[in-house]
């Protein structure tokens, strides 16, 4: 597995379509908001709407990356990095939102992808990262812990217990 994070480009259109079609075919709702908030089939609009440049309606500037497995030549997941936290993200959301394509789960992709995202966080000046996951999502918690995540507390948001982990970047 040779993973790296890429910004979406026209050359990745097939990669995106294949990953998103697989995700939607499962019917699950664990698709990161940053990559499902707009219709990926309208590719030009999708690319231009992936990232937030300024504070807008409670949202903060962010960067979205897709995780490319060079050996398989597929997108295996995506991460969204929020450049700083507002009150809402501090409670539930954190700096990094991530998701792994259903067929690639259980292979260490999330742990590796989060590690790559942490390097991007460091580049933009974030040295302490908050990641949040549902308490029931054991795999997500494990991936966060594998990257040095320390559980601070649990909060209830909309009836769901959310775990808040902090990762210090050296």
Protein backbone atom coordinates (compact mmCIF):
# COMPACT_ATOMS: atom_id res chain seq x y z
CA UNK A 1 0.00 0.00 0.00
CA UNK A 2 1.53 3.31 -1.14
CA UNK A 3 -0.79 6.08 -0.01
CA UNK A 4 -0.57 9.80 -0.48
CA UNK A 5 -2.97 12.71 -0.24
CA UNK A 6 -3.86 14.58 -3.41
CA UNK A 7 -5.97 17.59 -4.27
CA UNK A 8 -8.73 16.66 -6.69
CA UNK A 9 -7.79 17.25 -10.32
CA UNK A 10 -9.40 16.43 -13.69
CA UNK A 11 -7.10 13.43 -14.02
CA UNK A 12 -8.80 11.96 -10.91
CA UNK A 13 -12.38 12.12 -12.19
CA UNK A 14 -12.65 8.34 -12.66
CA UNK A 15 -11.06 7.73 -9.25
CA UNK A 16 -13.65 10.00 -7.64
CA UNK A 17 -16.59 8.52 -9.53
CA UNK A 18 -15.60 4.94 -8.67
CA UNK A 19 -15.15 5.69 -4.97
CA UNK A 20 -18.34 7.73 -4.62
CA UNK A 21 -20.45 5.21 -6.56
CA UNK A 22 -19.21 2.44 -4.27
CA UNK A 23 -19.94 4.52 -1.18
CA UNK A 24 -23.46 5.48 -2.23
CA UNK A 25 -24.24 1.91 -3.36
CA UNK A 26 -23.79 0.75 0.24
CA UNK A 27 -26.54 3.08 1.44
CA UNK A 28 -24.50 4.06 4.47
CA UNK A 29 -24.26 7.55 5.85
CA UNK A 30 -20.58 7.52 6.88
CA UNK A 31 -19.46 9.58 3.90
CA UNK A 32 -17.51 12.65 5.01
CA UNK A 33 -19.64 15.78 4.69
CA UNK A 34 -16.92 17.65 2.79
CA UNK A 35 -17.10 15.20 -0.12
CA UNK A 36 -20.86 14.65 -0.15
CA UNK A 37 -22.10 18.23 0.29
CA UNK A 38 -22.22 18.72 -3.50
CA UNK A 39 -23.00 16.43 -6.43
CA UNK A 40 -19.74 14.81 -7.51
CA UNK A 41 -21.23 14.09 -10.96
CA UNK A 42 -21.14 17.83 -11.74
CA UNK A 43 -17.35 17.61 -11.69
CA UNK A 44 -16.39 21.23 -12.47
CA UNK A 45 -18.73 22.62 -9.81
CA UNK A 46 -17.68 19.88 -7.41
CA UNK A 47 -13.98 20.75 -7.64
CA UNK A 48 -14.66 24.46 -7.17
CA UNK A 49 -16.86 23.84 -4.12
CA UNK A 50 -14.64 21.37 -2.26
CA UNK A 51 -12.83 23.88 -0.08
CA UNK A 52 -13.91 26.84 1.99
CA UNK A 53 -11.56 29.81 1.72
CA UNK A 54 -13.19 32.20 4.24
CA UNK A 55 -15.52 32.03 7.24
CA UNK A 56 -18.99 31.49 5.80
CA UNK A 57 -22.22 30.82 7.72
CA UNK A 58 -20.56 29.08 10.67
CA UNK A 59 -18.03 27.21 8.53
CA UNK A 60 -14.26 27.74 8.74
CA UNK A 61 -11.58 27.60 6.03
CA UNK A 62 -10.68 24.01 5.17
CA UNK A 63 -8.68 21.81 2.82
CA UNK A 64 -9.94 18.58 1.29
CA UNK A 65 -7.64 15.79 0.16
CA UNK A 66 -8.29 12.45 -1.45
CA UNK A 67 -6.18 9.47 -0.48
CA UNK A 68 -4.70 7.77 -3.52
CA UNK A 69 -3.35 4.23 -3.32
CA UNK A 70 -0.71 4.31 -6.06
CA UNK A 71 -0.39 0.52 -6.25
CA UNK A 72 -4.12 -0.02 -6.85
CA UNK A 73 -4.59 3.33 -8.64
CA UNK A 74 -7.78 4.08 -6.68
CA UNK A 75 -9.00 6.57 -4.13
CA UNK A 76 -9.25 4.73 -0.83
CA UNK A 77 -10.70 7.61 1.19
CA UNK A 78 -10.73 11.32 1.86
CA UNK A 79 -9.88 13.78 4.61
CA UNK A 80 -11.06 17.29 5.32
CA UNK A 81 -8.86 19.52 7.44
CA UNK A 82 -10.44 22.49 9.19
CA UNK A 83 -7.79 25.19 9.61
CA UNK A 84 -9.09 26.22 13.03
CA UNK A 85 -12.04 25.45 15.29
CA UNK A 86 -15.17 27.44 15.97
CA UNK A 87 -17.42 26.59 18.94
CA UNK A 88 -19.35 23.97 16.98
CA UNK A 89 -16.24 22.17 15.71
CA UNK A 90 -14.66 22.31 19.15
CA UNK A 91 -17.61 20.35 20.52
CA UNK A 92 -18.19 17.99 17.62
CA UNK A 93 -16.25 17.77 14.40
CA UNK A 94 -12.69 18.70 15.22
CA UNK A 95 -9.88 19.58 12.85
CA UNK A 96 -9.97 16.42 10.73
CA UNK A 97 -12.92 14.61 9.23
CA UNK A 98 -12.10 11.40 7.40
CA UNK A 99 -13.67 8.44 5.73
CA UNK A 100 -12.47 5.23 4.13
CA UNK A 101 -14.05 3.67 1.06
CA UNK A 102 -16.08 0.62 2.18
CA UNK A 103 -14.02 -1.98 0.28
CA UNK A 104 -10.77 -0.64 1.79
CA UNK A 105 -11.72 -0.75 5.47
CA UNK A 106 -9.89 -2.95 7.94
CA UNK A 107 -6.60 -2.64 6.01
CA UNK A 108 -4.92 0.17 7.94
CA UNK A 109 -5.98 2.87 5.49
CA UNK A 110 -7.54 5.16 8.11
CA UNK A 111 -4.48 5.04 10.38
CA UNK A 112 -2.18 5.87 7.46
CA UNK A 113 -4.50 8.52 6.03
CA UNK A 114 -4.81 10.30 9.39
CA UNK A 115 -1.02 10.24 9.69
CA UNK A 116 -0.75 11.95 6.30
CA UNK A 117 -3.41 14.47 7.30
CA UNK A 118 -1.47 15.30 10.47
CA UNK A 119 1.53 16.23 8.30
CA UNK A 120 -0.73 18.61 6.35
CA UNK A 121 -2.00 20.08 9.63
CA UNK A 122 1.58 20.77 10.68
CA UNK A 123 2.22 22.57 7.36
CA UNK A 124 -0.64 24.99 8.02
CA UNK A 125 0.46 25.64 11.59
CA UNK A 126 -1.77 23.35 13.62
CA UNK A 127 0.23 21.60 16.34
CA UNK A 128 -2.60 20.18 18.43
CA UNK A 129 -5.40 18.44 16.54
CA UNK A 130 -8.87 17.54 17.74
CA UNK A 131 -10.53 14.48 16.22
CA UNK A 132 -14.04 13.34 17.13
CA UNK A 133 -15.82 10.05 16.47
CA UNK A 134 -18.97 8.25 17.57
CA UNK A 135 -18.28 6.06 20.59
CA UNK A 136 -19.72 3.10 18.72
CA UNK A 137 -17.22 3.54 15.88
CA UNK A 138 -14.47 1.41 17.41
CA UNK A 139 -12.41 1.31 14.19
CA UNK A 140 -12.31 5.10 13.95
CA UNK A 141 -11.29 5.45 17.60
CA UNK A 142 -8.53 2.89 17.06
CA UNK A 143 -7.20 4.80 14.02
CA UNK A 144 -7.15 8.03 16.02
CA UNK A 145 -5.42 6.32 18.96
CA UNK A 146 -2.88 4.75 16.57
CA UNK A 147 -1.89 8.31 15.66
CA UNK A 148 -1.40 9.40 19.27
CA UNK A 149 -4.97 10.43 20.05
CA UNK A 150 -5.67 10.89 23.76
CA UNK A 151 -9.31 10.77 24.84
CA UNK A 152 -10.26 14.01 26.58
CA UNK A 153 -13.93 13.32 27.17
CA UNK A 154 -17.23 12.16 25.78
CA UNK A 155 -20.11 14.47 24.90
CA UNK A 156 -23.64 13.77 23.79
CA UNK A 157 -24.61 15.45 20.53
CA UNK A 158 -28.09 14.84 19.13
CA UNK A 159 -28.43 11.76 21.34
CA UNK A 160 -25.12 10.23 20.14
CA UNK A 161 -22.10 9.80 22.41
CA UNK A 162 -19.11 11.45 20.72
CA UNK A 163 -15.53 10.87 21.83
CA UNK A 164 -13.12 13.83 21.63
CA UNK A 165 -9.44 12.99 21.10
CA UNK A 166 -6.46 15.35 21.02
CA UNK A 167 -3.31 14.60 19.03
CA UNK A 168 -0.16 16.60 19.67
CA UNK A 169 1.97 16.98 16.53
CA UNK A 170 5.72 17.08 17.12
